[in-house]
N, C-alpha and C. Protein backbone atom coordinates (compact mmCIF):
# COMPACT_ATOMS: atom_id res chain seq x y z
N MET A 1 -13.57 16.50 10.09
CA MET A 1 -13.65 16.39 8.64
C MET A 1 -12.51 15.51 8.13
N THR A 2 -12.82 14.60 7.22
CA THR A 2 -11.81 13.71 6.67
C THR A 2 -10.88 14.48 5.75
N ASP A 3 -9.58 14.27 5.91
CA ASP A 3 -8.60 14.90 5.04
C ASP A 3 -8.73 14.30 3.65
N PRO A 4 -8.96 15.09 2.59
CA PRO A 4 -9.14 14.53 1.26
C PRO A 4 -7.92 13.78 0.75
N ARG A 5 -6.75 14.08 1.30
CA ARG A 5 -5.55 13.36 0.89
C ARG A 5 -5.55 11.91 1.34
N SER A 6 -6.30 11.61 2.40
CA SER A 6 -6.28 10.25 2.93
C SER A 6 -6.83 9.26 1.93
N ALA A 7 -7.83 9.67 1.14
CA ALA A 7 -8.39 8.77 0.13
C ALA A 7 -7.35 8.42 -0.93
N ALA A 8 -6.54 9.41 -1.30
CA ALA A 8 -5.48 9.15 -2.28
C ALA A 8 -4.49 8.14 -1.74
N TRP A 9 -4.11 8.31 -0.49
CA TRP A 9 -3.13 7.37 0.08
C TRP A 9 -3.76 6.01 0.37
N ASP A 10 -5.06 5.96 0.64
CA ASP A 10 -5.72 4.66 0.76
C ASP A 10 -5.65 3.91 -0.57
N THR A 11 -5.87 4.63 -1.67
CA THR A 11 -5.76 4.01 -2.99
C THR A 11 -4.36 3.47 -3.22
N HIS A 12 -3.38 4.28 -2.87
CA HIS A 12 -1.98 3.86 -3.00
C HIS A 12 -1.72 2.61 -2.17
N ALA A 13 -2.28 2.56 -0.96
CA ALA A 13 -2.06 1.41 -0.08
C ALA A 13 -2.53 0.12 -0.71
N HIS A 14 -3.65 0.18 -1.43
CA HIS A 14 -4.22 -1.03 -2.03
C HIS A 14 -3.37 -1.55 -3.20
N THR A 15 -2.49 -0.70 -3.72
CA THR A 15 -1.62 -1.14 -4.82
C THR A 15 -0.29 -1.68 -4.33
N ARG A 16 -0.02 -1.54 -3.03
CA ARG A 16 1.28 -1.90 -2.50
C ARG A 16 1.21 -3.23 -1.76
N PRO A 17 2.07 -4.19 -2.09
CA PRO A 17 2.07 -5.46 -1.36
C PRO A 17 2.65 -5.27 0.03
N GLN A 18 2.35 -6.20 0.91
CA GLN A 18 2.98 -6.20 2.22
C GLN A 18 4.49 -6.43 2.07
N ARG A 19 5.24 -5.97 3.04
CA ARG A 19 6.69 -6.20 3.04
C ARG A 19 6.98 -7.69 3.02
N ARG A 20 8.09 -8.05 2.37
CA ARG A 20 8.49 -9.46 2.30
C ARG A 20 8.59 -10.08 3.70
N THR A 21 8.45 -11.38 3.77
CA THR A 21 8.53 -12.08 5.05
C THR A 21 9.93 -11.97 5.64
N THR A 22 10.95 -12.10 4.80
CA THR A 22 12.35 -11.94 5.22
C THR A 22 13.10 -11.15 4.15
N ASN A 23 14.20 -10.53 4.57
CA ASN A 23 15.04 -9.84 3.60
C ASN A 23 16.16 -10.77 3.13
N ALA A 24 17.11 -10.22 2.41
CA ALA A 24 18.18 -11.05 1.84
C ALA A 24 19.04 -11.71 2.91
N LYS A 25 19.08 -11.11 4.10
CA LYS A 25 19.86 -11.69 5.20
C LYS A 25 19.05 -12.69 6.02
N GLY A 26 17.79 -12.88 5.67
CA GLY A 26 16.94 -13.78 6.43
C GLY A 26 16.32 -13.15 7.65
N GLU A 27 16.41 -11.82 7.77
CA GLU A 27 15.84 -11.12 8.92
C GLU A 27 14.34 -10.92 8.72
N THR A 28 13.58 -11.01 9.81
CA THR A 28 12.13 -10.83 9.71
C THR A 28 11.71 -9.38 9.88
N THR A 29 12.57 -8.55 10.47
CA THR A 29 12.35 -7.09 10.48
C THR A 29 13.67 -6.42 10.09
N TRP A 30 13.55 -5.28 9.43
CA TRP A 30 14.75 -4.54 9.02
C TRP A 30 14.33 -3.12 8.68
N PHE A 31 15.34 -2.24 8.56
CA PHE A 31 15.08 -0.83 8.24
C PHE A 31 15.66 -0.54 6.88
N ASN A 32 14.88 0.13 6.03
CA ASN A 32 15.34 0.43 4.68
C ASN A 32 14.97 1.86 4.33
N TRP A 33 15.97 2.71 4.08
CA TRP A 33 15.75 4.10 3.72
C TRP A 33 15.41 4.30 2.25
N THR A 34 15.75 3.35 1.41
CA THR A 34 15.66 3.57 -0.03
C THR A 34 14.50 2.80 -0.65
N GLN A 35 14.24 3.08 -1.92
CA GLN A 35 13.21 2.37 -2.66
C GLN A 35 13.74 1.06 -3.24
N HIS A 36 15.01 0.76 -2.99
CA HIS A 36 15.63 -0.46 -3.49
C HIS A 36 15.77 -1.46 -2.34
N PRO A 37 15.36 -2.70 -2.53
CA PRO A 37 15.44 -3.68 -1.43
C PRO A 37 16.89 -3.98 -1.04
N ASP A 38 17.09 -4.17 0.27
CA ASP A 38 18.39 -4.59 0.79
C ASP A 38 19.51 -3.65 0.36
N HIS A 39 19.26 -2.36 0.49
CA HIS A 39 20.22 -1.38 -0.02
C HIS A 39 20.28 -0.18 0.91
N GLY A 40 21.47 0.34 1.10
CA GLY A 40 21.64 1.57 1.87
C GLY A 40 21.81 1.32 3.35
N PRO A 41 21.91 2.41 4.13
CA PRO A 41 22.10 2.28 5.58
C PRO A 41 20.84 1.75 6.26
N GLY A 42 20.97 1.47 7.53
CA GLY A 42 19.84 0.96 8.30
C GLY A 42 19.46 1.90 9.43
N ALA A 43 18.96 1.32 10.51
CA ALA A 43 18.45 2.11 11.63
C ALA A 43 19.56 2.85 12.36
N GLU A 44 20.81 2.47 12.14
CA GLU A 44 21.92 3.13 12.84
C GLU A 44 21.98 4.62 12.50
N ALA A 45 21.43 5.02 11.38
CA ALA A 45 21.44 6.44 11.01
C ALA A 45 20.68 7.30 12.01
N LEU A 46 19.81 6.70 12.81
CA LEU A 46 19.01 7.45 13.77
C LEU A 46 19.70 7.59 15.12
N GLY A 47 20.77 6.85 15.36
CA GLY A 47 21.52 6.98 16.60
C GLY A 47 20.74 6.62 17.85
N LEU A 48 19.87 5.64 17.75
CA LEU A 48 19.00 5.28 18.87
C LEU A 48 19.56 4.13 19.70
N LYS A 49 19.06 4.03 20.91
CA LYS A 49 19.38 2.91 21.79
C LYS A 49 18.08 2.41 22.42
N PRO A 50 18.06 1.18 22.93
CA PRO A 50 16.83 0.67 23.54
C PRO A 50 16.28 1.61 24.60
N GLY A 51 14.97 1.79 24.56
CA GLY A 51 14.31 2.69 25.49
C GLY A 51 14.07 4.07 24.95
N ASP A 52 14.74 4.42 23.85
CA ASP A 52 14.53 5.73 23.24
C ASP A 52 13.17 5.79 22.56
N SER A 53 12.69 7.00 22.33
CA SER A 53 11.42 7.21 21.64
C SER A 53 11.69 7.71 20.23
N VAL A 54 10.86 7.24 19.28
CA VAL A 54 11.06 7.58 17.88
C VAL A 54 9.70 7.74 17.21
N LEU A 55 9.62 8.71 16.30
CA LEU A 55 8.37 9.01 15.59
C LEU A 55 8.60 8.87 14.10
N ASP A 56 7.74 8.10 13.44
CA ASP A 56 7.76 7.91 12.00
C ASP A 56 6.65 8.74 11.38
N LEU A 57 7.04 9.72 10.55
CA LEU A 57 6.07 10.58 9.87
C LEU A 57 5.71 9.96 8.53
N GLY A 58 4.57 9.31 8.49
CA GLY A 58 4.16 8.59 7.28
C GLY A 58 4.65 7.16 7.32
N CYS A 59 4.22 6.43 8.32
CA CYS A 59 4.77 5.09 8.59
C CYS A 59 4.29 4.04 7.61
N GLY A 60 3.24 4.34 6.83
CA GLY A 60 2.75 3.35 5.87
C GLY A 60 2.34 2.07 6.57
N SER A 61 2.75 0.94 6.02
CA SER A 61 2.37 -0.36 6.58
C SER A 61 3.29 -0.81 7.70
N GLY A 62 4.19 0.07 8.15
CA GLY A 62 4.85 -0.12 9.44
C GLY A 62 6.10 -0.95 9.49
N GLY A 63 6.69 -1.31 8.35
CA GLY A 63 7.85 -2.18 8.39
C GLY A 63 9.04 -1.60 9.13
N ASN A 64 9.40 -0.36 8.85
CA ASN A 64 10.53 0.26 9.54
C ASN A 64 10.22 0.45 11.02
N LEU A 65 9.00 0.87 11.31
CA LEU A 65 8.61 1.09 12.70
C LEU A 65 8.66 -0.20 13.50
N ALA A 66 8.20 -1.29 12.92
CA ALA A 66 8.23 -2.58 13.61
C ALA A 66 9.66 -2.99 13.94
N HIS A 67 10.58 -2.72 13.03
CA HIS A 67 11.98 -3.05 13.29
C HIS A 67 12.50 -2.28 14.50
N LEU A 68 12.19 -1.00 14.58
CA LEU A 68 12.66 -0.21 15.72
C LEU A 68 12.04 -0.71 17.02
N ALA A 69 10.78 -1.10 16.97
CA ALA A 69 10.14 -1.64 18.17
C ALA A 69 10.82 -2.93 18.63
N THR A 70 11.21 -3.77 17.68
CA THR A 70 11.88 -5.02 18.08
C THR A 70 13.26 -4.74 18.66
N LEU A 71 13.84 -3.60 18.35
CA LEU A 71 15.13 -3.22 18.92
C LEU A 71 14.98 -2.57 20.30
N GLY A 72 13.74 -2.41 20.75
CA GLY A 72 13.51 -1.91 22.11
C GLY A 72 13.15 -0.45 22.20
N MET A 73 12.88 0.21 21.05
CA MET A 73 12.47 1.61 21.08
C MET A 73 10.96 1.72 21.31
N ARG A 74 10.56 2.87 21.86
CA ARG A 74 9.13 3.20 21.90
C ARG A 74 8.82 3.85 20.57
N ALA A 75 8.15 3.11 19.70
CA ALA A 75 8.04 3.47 18.30
C ALA A 75 6.62 3.95 17.98
N VAL A 76 6.50 5.22 17.63
CA VAL A 76 5.22 5.84 17.32
C VAL A 76 5.18 6.14 15.83
N GLY A 77 4.10 5.76 15.20
CA GLY A 77 3.94 6.02 13.77
C GLY A 77 2.64 6.72 13.47
N ILE A 78 2.66 7.66 12.52
CA ILE A 78 1.44 8.30 12.06
C ILE A 78 1.34 8.15 10.55
N ASP A 79 0.10 8.13 10.06
CA ASP A 79 -0.13 8.09 8.62
C ASP A 79 -1.53 8.62 8.35
N LEU A 80 -1.69 9.28 7.21
CA LEU A 80 -3.01 9.76 6.82
C LEU A 80 -3.93 8.62 6.38
N SER A 81 -3.33 7.51 5.92
CA SER A 81 -4.11 6.44 5.32
C SER A 81 -4.55 5.41 6.36
N GLY A 82 -5.86 5.30 6.54
CA GLY A 82 -6.37 4.24 7.41
C GLY A 82 -6.09 2.87 6.84
N ALA A 83 -6.06 2.74 5.51
CA ALA A 83 -5.77 1.46 4.89
C ALA A 83 -4.34 1.02 5.18
N GLN A 84 -3.41 1.95 5.13
CA GLN A 84 -2.02 1.61 5.46
C GLN A 84 -1.90 1.17 6.92
N LEU A 85 -2.54 1.90 7.81
CA LEU A 85 -2.46 1.55 9.23
C LEU A 85 -3.11 0.20 9.50
N ALA A 86 -4.18 -0.12 8.78
CA ALA A 86 -4.80 -1.44 8.93
C ALA A 86 -3.82 -2.54 8.53
N LYS A 87 -3.08 -2.31 7.45
CA LYS A 87 -2.06 -3.28 7.04
C LYS A 87 -0.98 -3.41 8.10
N ALA A 88 -0.60 -2.30 8.70
CA ALA A 88 0.42 -2.34 9.75
C ALA A 88 -0.07 -3.13 10.96
N ARG A 89 -1.29 -2.88 11.37
CA ARG A 89 -1.82 -3.59 12.55
C ARG A 89 -1.96 -5.08 12.27
N GLU A 90 -2.33 -5.44 11.04
CA GLU A 90 -2.46 -6.85 10.69
C GLU A 90 -1.11 -7.54 10.67
N ARG A 91 -0.15 -6.92 10.02
CA ARG A 91 1.16 -7.56 9.82
C ARG A 91 1.97 -7.63 11.11
N TRP A 92 1.91 -6.57 11.94
CA TRP A 92 2.81 -6.48 13.09
C TRP A 92 2.06 -6.58 14.41
N ALA A 93 0.95 -7.30 14.42
CA ALA A 93 0.16 -7.43 15.66
C ALA A 93 0.96 -8.05 16.79
N HIS A 94 1.96 -8.85 16.46
CA HIS A 94 2.75 -9.56 17.48
C HIS A 94 3.89 -8.72 18.03
N VAL A 95 4.12 -7.53 17.49
CA VAL A 95 5.26 -6.70 17.88
C VAL A 95 4.82 -5.73 18.98
N ASP A 96 5.49 -5.80 20.12
CA ASP A 96 5.21 -4.88 21.22
C ASP A 96 5.97 -3.57 21.00
N GLY A 97 5.43 -2.51 21.55
CA GLY A 97 6.13 -1.23 21.53
C GLY A 97 5.78 -0.33 20.38
N MET A 98 4.80 -0.73 19.53
CA MET A 98 4.36 0.12 18.43
C MET A 98 3.08 0.85 18.80
N GLU A 99 3.01 2.12 18.41
CA GLU A 99 1.83 2.94 18.66
C GLU A 99 1.49 3.65 17.36
N LEU A 100 0.28 3.46 16.86
CA LEU A 100 -0.10 3.97 15.55
C LEU A 100 -1.25 4.97 15.66
N HIS A 101 -1.16 6.04 14.86
CA HIS A 101 -2.19 7.07 14.85
C HIS A 101 -2.47 7.49 13.42
N GLN A 102 -3.75 7.73 13.11
CA GLN A 102 -4.11 8.30 11.82
C GLN A 102 -4.16 9.80 11.97
N SER A 103 -3.25 10.50 11.30
CA SER A 103 -3.16 11.94 11.49
C SER A 103 -2.31 12.58 10.40
N ASP A 104 -2.54 13.83 10.18
CA ASP A 104 -1.65 14.68 9.41
C ASP A 104 -0.40 14.96 10.24
N ALA A 105 0.74 15.05 9.59
CA ALA A 105 2.00 15.20 10.31
C ALA A 105 2.05 16.51 11.10
N LEU A 106 1.72 17.62 10.45
CA LEU A 106 1.80 18.90 11.14
C LEU A 106 0.82 18.98 12.31
N ALA A 107 -0.38 18.46 12.11
CA ALA A 107 -1.37 18.48 13.18
C ALA A 107 -0.90 17.65 14.36
N PHE A 108 -0.31 16.49 14.09
CA PHE A 108 0.16 15.63 15.18
C PHE A 108 1.30 16.29 15.93
N LEU A 109 2.25 16.86 15.22
CA LEU A 109 3.38 17.51 15.88
C LEU A 109 2.91 18.69 16.72
N ALA A 110 1.94 19.44 16.22
CA ALA A 110 1.44 20.60 16.96
C ALA A 110 0.70 20.20 18.22
N ALA A 111 -0.02 19.09 18.16
CA ALA A 111 -0.84 18.67 19.30
C ALA A 111 -0.07 17.85 20.32
N SER A 112 1.07 17.29 19.92
CA SER A 112 1.80 16.38 20.80
C SER A 112 2.53 17.13 21.90
N ALA A 113 2.54 16.53 23.08
CA ALA A 113 3.34 17.05 24.18
C ALA A 113 4.58 16.21 24.40
N THR A 114 4.80 15.24 23.52
CA THR A 114 5.92 14.31 23.65
C THR A 114 7.10 14.81 22.84
N SER A 115 8.30 14.65 23.41
CA SER A 115 9.53 14.91 22.66
C SER A 115 10.21 13.58 22.38
N TYR A 116 10.92 13.52 21.26
CA TYR A 116 11.46 12.25 20.76
C TYR A 116 12.98 12.32 20.60
N ASN A 117 13.59 11.15 20.72
CA ASN A 117 15.02 11.03 20.46
C ASN A 117 15.33 11.06 18.97
N ALA A 118 14.36 10.69 18.16
CA ALA A 118 14.53 10.76 16.71
C ALA A 118 13.16 10.86 16.05
N ILE A 119 13.13 11.58 14.95
CA ILE A 119 11.95 11.67 14.08
C ILE A 119 12.43 11.43 12.67
N TYR A 120 11.72 10.59 11.93
CA TYR A 120 12.18 10.27 10.59
C TYR A 120 11.00 10.12 9.63
N SER A 121 11.33 10.10 8.35
CA SER A 121 10.32 9.94 7.30
C SER A 121 10.99 9.28 6.11
N VAL A 122 10.47 8.11 5.71
CA VAL A 122 11.01 7.38 4.56
C VAL A 122 9.99 7.45 3.43
N PHE A 123 10.24 8.33 2.46
CA PHE A 123 9.28 8.57 1.39
C PHE A 123 7.91 8.83 1.99
N GLY A 124 7.89 9.53 3.11
CA GLY A 124 6.65 9.70 3.87
C GLY A 124 6.20 11.13 3.94
N ALA A 125 5.62 11.49 5.08
CA ALA A 125 4.94 12.78 5.21
C ALA A 125 5.88 13.96 5.01
N ALA A 126 7.16 13.83 5.40
CA ALA A 126 8.08 14.94 5.23
C ALA A 126 8.30 15.28 3.77
N TYR A 127 8.13 14.30 2.89
CA TYR A 127 8.26 14.53 1.45
C TYR A 127 7.09 15.36 0.93
N PHE A 128 5.95 15.23 1.59
CA PHE A 128 4.71 15.83 1.09
C PHE A 128 4.22 16.97 1.98
N THR A 129 5.13 17.59 2.71
CA THR A 129 4.80 18.71 3.59
C THR A 129 5.80 19.83 3.33
N ASP A 130 5.31 21.04 3.27
CA ASP A 130 6.17 22.20 3.06
C ASP A 130 7.27 22.22 4.12
N PRO A 131 8.53 22.14 3.72
CA PRO A 131 9.61 22.11 4.72
C PRO A 131 9.67 23.37 5.57
N GLY A 132 9.16 24.49 5.05
CA GLY A 132 9.11 25.69 5.86
C GLY A 132 8.22 25.54 7.08
N GLN A 133 7.27 24.61 7.03
CA GLN A 133 6.43 24.29 8.18
C GLN A 133 6.92 23.03 8.90
N ALA A 134 7.35 22.04 8.13
CA ALA A 134 7.72 20.76 8.73
C ALA A 134 8.98 20.85 9.58
N LEU A 135 10.02 21.52 9.09
CA LEU A 135 11.29 21.53 9.80
C LEU A 135 11.20 22.18 11.18
N PRO A 136 10.59 23.37 11.32
CA PRO A 136 10.46 23.90 12.69
C PRO A 136 9.57 23.06 13.58
N ALA A 137 8.54 22.44 13.01
CA ALA A 137 7.66 21.58 13.81
C ALA A 137 8.41 20.36 14.33
N VAL A 138 9.22 19.75 13.46
CA VAL A 138 10.02 18.60 13.88
C VAL A 138 11.05 19.02 14.92
N HIS A 139 11.75 20.12 14.66
CA HIS A 139 12.77 20.59 15.60
C HIS A 139 12.17 20.79 16.99
N GLY A 140 10.96 21.32 17.04
CA GLY A 140 10.32 21.58 18.32
C GLY A 140 9.92 20.35 19.10
N ARG A 141 9.85 19.18 18.45
CA ARG A 141 9.46 17.95 19.12
C ARG A 141 10.64 17.00 19.31
N LEU A 142 11.85 17.44 18.98
CA LEU A 142 13.04 16.63 19.23
C LEU A 142 13.68 17.00 20.56
N LEU A 143 14.16 15.99 21.26
CA LEU A 143 14.98 16.23 22.44
C LEU A 143 16.34 16.78 22.02
N PRO A 144 17.02 17.52 22.89
CA PRO A 144 18.38 17.96 22.56
C PRO A 144 19.25 16.78 22.14
N GLY A 145 19.95 16.93 21.03
CA GLY A 145 20.76 15.85 20.49
C GLY A 145 19.98 14.87 19.65
N GLY A 146 18.67 15.10 19.50
CA GLY A 146 17.84 14.18 18.72
C GLY A 146 18.08 14.33 17.23
N VAL A 147 17.83 13.25 16.51
CA VAL A 147 18.10 13.18 15.07
C VAL A 147 16.82 13.30 14.27
N PHE A 148 16.86 14.09 13.22
CA PHE A 148 15.83 14.07 12.19
C PHE A 148 16.46 13.55 10.90
N ALA A 149 15.78 12.60 10.26
CA ALA A 149 16.27 12.08 8.99
C ALA A 149 15.09 11.79 8.09
N MET A 150 15.30 12.01 6.79
CA MET A 150 14.24 11.74 5.82
C MET A 150 14.87 11.29 4.51
N SER A 151 14.13 10.46 3.79
CA SER A 151 14.58 10.04 2.46
C SER A 151 13.45 10.22 1.46
N GLN A 152 13.84 10.47 0.22
CA GLN A 152 12.89 10.67 -0.86
C GLN A 152 13.66 10.59 -2.18
N HIS A 153 12.95 10.71 -3.29
CA HIS A 153 13.63 10.76 -4.57
C HIS A 153 14.46 12.04 -4.66
N PRO A 154 15.63 11.98 -5.29
CA PRO A 154 16.34 13.22 -5.57
C PRO A 154 15.58 14.04 -6.61
N PRO A 155 15.77 15.36 -6.64
CA PRO A 155 15.01 16.17 -7.57
C PRO A 155 15.49 15.97 -9.01
N VAL A 156 14.57 16.19 -9.93
CA VAL A 156 14.94 16.29 -11.33
C VAL A 156 15.59 17.65 -11.53
N GLU A 157 16.72 17.69 -12.22
CA GLU A 157 17.44 18.95 -12.39
C GLU A 157 16.51 20.02 -12.97
N GLY A 158 16.46 21.15 -12.29
CA GLY A 158 15.65 22.27 -12.73
C GLY A 158 14.21 22.24 -12.24
N CYS A 159 13.79 21.13 -11.64
CA CYS A 159 12.41 21.01 -11.14
C CYS A 159 12.44 21.06 -9.62
N TYR A 160 12.46 22.25 -9.07
CA TYR A 160 12.67 22.43 -7.64
C TYR A 160 11.46 23.09 -7.00
N GLY A 161 11.34 22.90 -5.69
CA GLY A 161 10.24 23.48 -4.94
C GLY A 161 9.04 22.56 -4.93
N CYS A 162 7.86 23.16 -4.84
CA CYS A 162 6.62 22.38 -4.76
C CYS A 162 6.30 21.79 -6.13
N GLN A 163 6.11 20.48 -6.16
CA GLN A 163 5.80 19.75 -7.39
C GLN A 163 4.51 18.95 -7.17
N ALA A 164 3.95 18.45 -8.26
CA ALA A 164 2.73 17.64 -8.19
C ALA A 164 3.05 16.17 -8.39
N SER A 165 2.50 15.34 -7.53
CA SER A 165 2.56 13.88 -7.71
C SER A 165 1.16 13.38 -8.03
N TYR A 166 1.07 12.51 -8.99
CA TYR A 166 -0.22 11.97 -9.44
C TYR A 166 -0.33 10.52 -9.00
N ILE A 167 -1.39 10.21 -8.27
CA ILE A 167 -1.60 8.86 -7.73
C ILE A 167 -2.78 8.23 -8.47
N PRO A 168 -2.57 7.15 -9.21
CA PRO A 168 -3.67 6.53 -9.95
C PRO A 168 -4.81 6.09 -9.03
N ARG A 169 -6.05 6.27 -9.53
CA ARG A 169 -7.23 5.86 -8.75
C ARG A 169 -8.13 4.92 -9.54
N GLY A 170 -7.61 4.33 -10.59
CA GLY A 170 -8.42 3.41 -11.37
C GLY A 170 -8.66 3.94 -12.76
N PRO A 171 -9.09 3.06 -13.69
CA PRO A 171 -9.22 3.44 -15.10
C PRO A 171 -10.32 4.46 -15.37
N ASP A 172 -11.30 4.61 -14.47
CA ASP A 172 -12.42 5.49 -14.73
C ASP A 172 -12.40 6.77 -13.89
N GLU A 173 -11.27 7.02 -13.20
CA GLU A 173 -11.17 8.20 -12.36
C GLU A 173 -9.89 8.96 -12.67
N ASP A 174 -9.96 10.27 -12.53
CA ASP A 174 -8.75 11.05 -12.64
C ASP A 174 -7.81 10.70 -11.48
N PRO A 175 -6.50 10.82 -11.69
CA PRO A 175 -5.59 10.54 -10.58
C PRO A 175 -5.74 11.57 -9.47
N ALA A 176 -5.45 11.14 -8.25
CA ALA A 176 -5.37 12.08 -7.15
C ALA A 176 -4.07 12.87 -7.26
N ILE A 177 -4.11 14.12 -6.84
CA ILE A 177 -2.94 14.98 -6.92
C ILE A 177 -2.53 15.37 -5.50
N VAL A 178 -1.28 15.09 -5.16
CA VAL A 178 -0.72 15.54 -3.89
C VAL A 178 0.55 16.32 -4.17
N LYS A 179 0.87 17.25 -3.30
CA LYS A 179 2.07 18.06 -3.45
C LYS A 179 3.26 17.38 -2.78
N ARG A 180 4.42 17.58 -3.38
CA ARG A 180 5.67 17.14 -2.77
C ARG A 180 6.68 18.28 -2.92
N TRP A 181 7.77 18.22 -2.15
CA TRP A 181 8.77 19.28 -2.19
C TRP A 181 10.13 18.69 -2.55
N ASP A 182 10.68 19.17 -3.66
CA ASP A 182 11.96 18.69 -4.17
C ASP A 182 12.98 19.83 -4.16
N HIS A 183 14.15 19.54 -3.60
CA HIS A 183 15.23 20.52 -3.57
C HIS A 183 16.56 19.81 -3.75
N PRO A 184 17.56 20.49 -4.32
CA PRO A 184 18.89 19.90 -4.39
C PRO A 184 19.54 19.86 -3.01
N PRO A 185 20.57 19.03 -2.83
CA PRO A 185 21.19 18.87 -1.51
C PRO A 185 21.60 20.18 -0.84
N ALA A 186 22.18 21.11 -1.58
CA ALA A 186 22.64 22.36 -0.96
C ALA A 186 21.49 23.15 -0.36
N VAL A 187 20.34 23.12 -1.01
CA VAL A 187 19.17 23.84 -0.49
C VAL A 187 18.66 23.17 0.78
N TRP A 188 18.59 21.83 0.77
CA TRP A 188 18.17 21.13 1.99
C TRP A 188 19.12 21.46 3.15
N THR A 189 20.40 21.46 2.87
CA THR A 189 21.37 21.76 3.92
C THR A 189 21.11 23.14 4.51
N GLY A 190 20.91 24.13 3.65
CA GLY A 190 20.64 25.48 4.13
C GLY A 190 19.36 25.58 4.93
N MET A 191 18.32 24.88 4.49
CA MET A 191 17.04 24.95 5.21
C MET A 191 17.15 24.32 6.59
N LEU A 192 17.80 23.17 6.70
CA LEU A 192 17.94 22.55 8.01
C LEU A 192 18.73 23.44 8.96
N LYS A 193 19.81 24.03 8.48
CA LYS A 193 20.61 24.90 9.33
C LYS A 193 19.81 26.14 9.74
N LYS A 194 19.03 26.67 8.83
CA LYS A 194 18.20 27.83 9.13
C LYS A 194 17.24 27.55 10.26
N HIS A 195 16.74 26.32 10.33
CA HIS A 195 15.75 25.96 11.35
C HIS A 195 16.38 25.31 12.58
N GLY A 196 17.68 25.48 12.76
CA GLY A 196 18.32 25.10 14.02
C GLY A 196 18.97 23.75 14.07
N PHE A 197 19.07 23.05 12.96
CA PHE A 197 19.72 21.74 12.96
C PHE A 197 21.23 21.88 12.77
N GLU A 198 21.96 20.99 13.41
CA GLU A 198 23.42 20.97 13.33
C GLU A 198 23.86 19.64 12.71
N ASP A 199 25.16 19.55 12.42
CA ASP A 199 25.73 18.32 11.86
C ASP A 199 24.89 17.82 10.67
N VAL A 200 24.51 18.72 9.80
CA VAL A 200 23.62 18.38 8.69
C VAL A 200 24.40 17.67 7.58
N THR A 201 23.85 16.58 7.10
CA THR A 201 24.39 15.90 5.93
C THR A 201 23.24 15.62 4.96
N VAL A 202 23.50 15.86 3.68
CA VAL A 202 22.52 15.58 2.64
C VAL A 202 23.26 14.89 1.51
N THR A 203 22.90 13.66 1.23
CA THR A 203 23.60 12.87 0.22
C THR A 203 22.59 12.20 -0.71
N VAL A 204 23.06 11.89 -1.90
CA VAL A 204 22.27 11.08 -2.82
C VAL A 204 22.92 9.71 -2.90
N LEU A 205 22.20 8.71 -2.40
CA LEU A 205 22.69 7.34 -2.45
C LEU A 205 22.40 6.78 -3.83
N PRO A 206 23.42 6.35 -4.57
CA PRO A 206 23.15 5.82 -5.91
C PRO A 206 22.39 4.51 -5.84
N ALA A 207 21.66 4.22 -6.89
CA ALA A 207 20.97 2.94 -6.98
C ALA A 207 21.98 1.81 -6.99
N PRO A 208 21.62 0.62 -6.51
CA PRO A 208 22.55 -0.51 -6.57
C PRO A 208 22.94 -0.83 -8.01
N GLU A 209 24.17 -1.26 -8.18
CA GLU A 209 24.70 -1.47 -9.53
C GLU A 209 23.90 -2.51 -10.31
N HIS A 210 23.36 -3.51 -9.63
CA HIS A 210 22.68 -4.59 -10.34
C HIS A 210 21.22 -4.26 -10.66
N SER A 211 20.72 -3.14 -10.14
CA SER A 211 19.30 -2.82 -10.33
C SER A 211 19.04 -2.21 -11.70
N ARG A 212 17.91 -2.57 -12.29
CA ARG A 212 17.50 -1.94 -13.55
C ARG A 212 16.92 -0.55 -13.29
N ARG A 213 16.49 -0.30 -12.06
CA ARG A 213 15.99 1.03 -11.68
C ARG A 213 17.19 1.87 -11.26
N ARG A 214 17.40 3.01 -11.91
CA ARG A 214 18.62 3.76 -11.75
C ARG A 214 18.47 5.02 -10.89
N ILE A 215 17.28 5.36 -10.45
CA ILE A 215 17.11 6.56 -9.64
C ILE A 215 17.62 6.28 -8.23
N GLY A 216 18.48 7.16 -7.73
CA GLY A 216 19.01 7.01 -6.39
C GLY A 216 18.04 7.52 -5.33
N THR A 217 18.55 7.73 -4.13
CA THR A 217 17.74 8.15 -2.99
C THR A 217 18.40 9.33 -2.30
N LEU A 218 17.66 10.39 -2.09
CA LEU A 218 18.15 11.54 -1.33
C LEU A 218 17.96 11.26 0.15
N LEU A 219 19.03 11.34 0.93
CA LEU A 219 18.96 11.10 2.37
C LEU A 219 19.43 12.36 3.09
N VAL A 220 18.54 12.91 3.90
CA VAL A 220 18.77 14.14 4.65
C VAL A 220 18.84 13.81 6.13
N ARG A 221 19.83 14.38 6.83
CA ARG A 221 19.96 14.10 8.27
C ARG A 221 20.48 15.34 8.99
N GLY A 222 19.89 15.63 10.14
CA GLY A 222 20.35 16.74 10.97
C GLY A 222 20.09 16.44 12.43
N VAL A 223 20.77 17.17 13.30
CA VAL A 223 20.69 16.93 14.75
C VAL A 223 20.24 18.22 15.45
N ARG A 224 19.33 18.09 16.38
CA ARG A 224 18.95 19.24 17.19
C ARG A 224 20.08 19.50 18.17
N GLY A 225 20.49 20.75 18.27
CA GLY A 225 21.56 21.11 19.19
C GLY A 225 21.16 20.92 20.66
N SER A 226 22.13 21.10 21.54
CA SER A 226 21.89 20.85 22.97
C SER A 226 21.10 21.95 23.64
N SER A 227 20.97 23.11 22.98
CA SER A 227 20.23 24.21 23.60
C SER A 227 18.75 24.15 23.24
């Protein structure tokens, strides 16, 4: 049975342009955690080295995943949207080391027998999955010492927990509704520690000073312990 959420994300995919050909540094692939171009940390936040395996939960059109593949990682991406994955396959057909699957995040993690050196989500599936289910599922698929990191919008003060996101579907249709989970940094820290993550950091990266868009980016990071 087709996941009804996939149609919403297909609609979203059609409104999003492909990633720029180059970034401000002239690079053809790069990693970006934030909604602001050329801003914030890069792939180093994942602590990976060539040959490591990495899973992107909600890879979209594959820009971050392609960058990791060019660095020599075995880069696996999942997304509910077939339209997004089609864009990824078209744009990054020349990049070796990428593996793409259309799947729900929890279903993929439950069915997978693979463990990863890092699992991440950039405004992706981890934002739209109950952390009470997502965090233990991610922890179970990380190798000891593996990193989990995710980015999303910071919460609006007082609007915490499960919230509704509305995705436009055209002038003659009601918007699609998907759930997202918003929490302040202290709550994210507590939840990651509760589910076995160590060295937890949760920060809000401010928007770049020159940007007219002022909303920052919440960046969550934790490490699976050695046991």
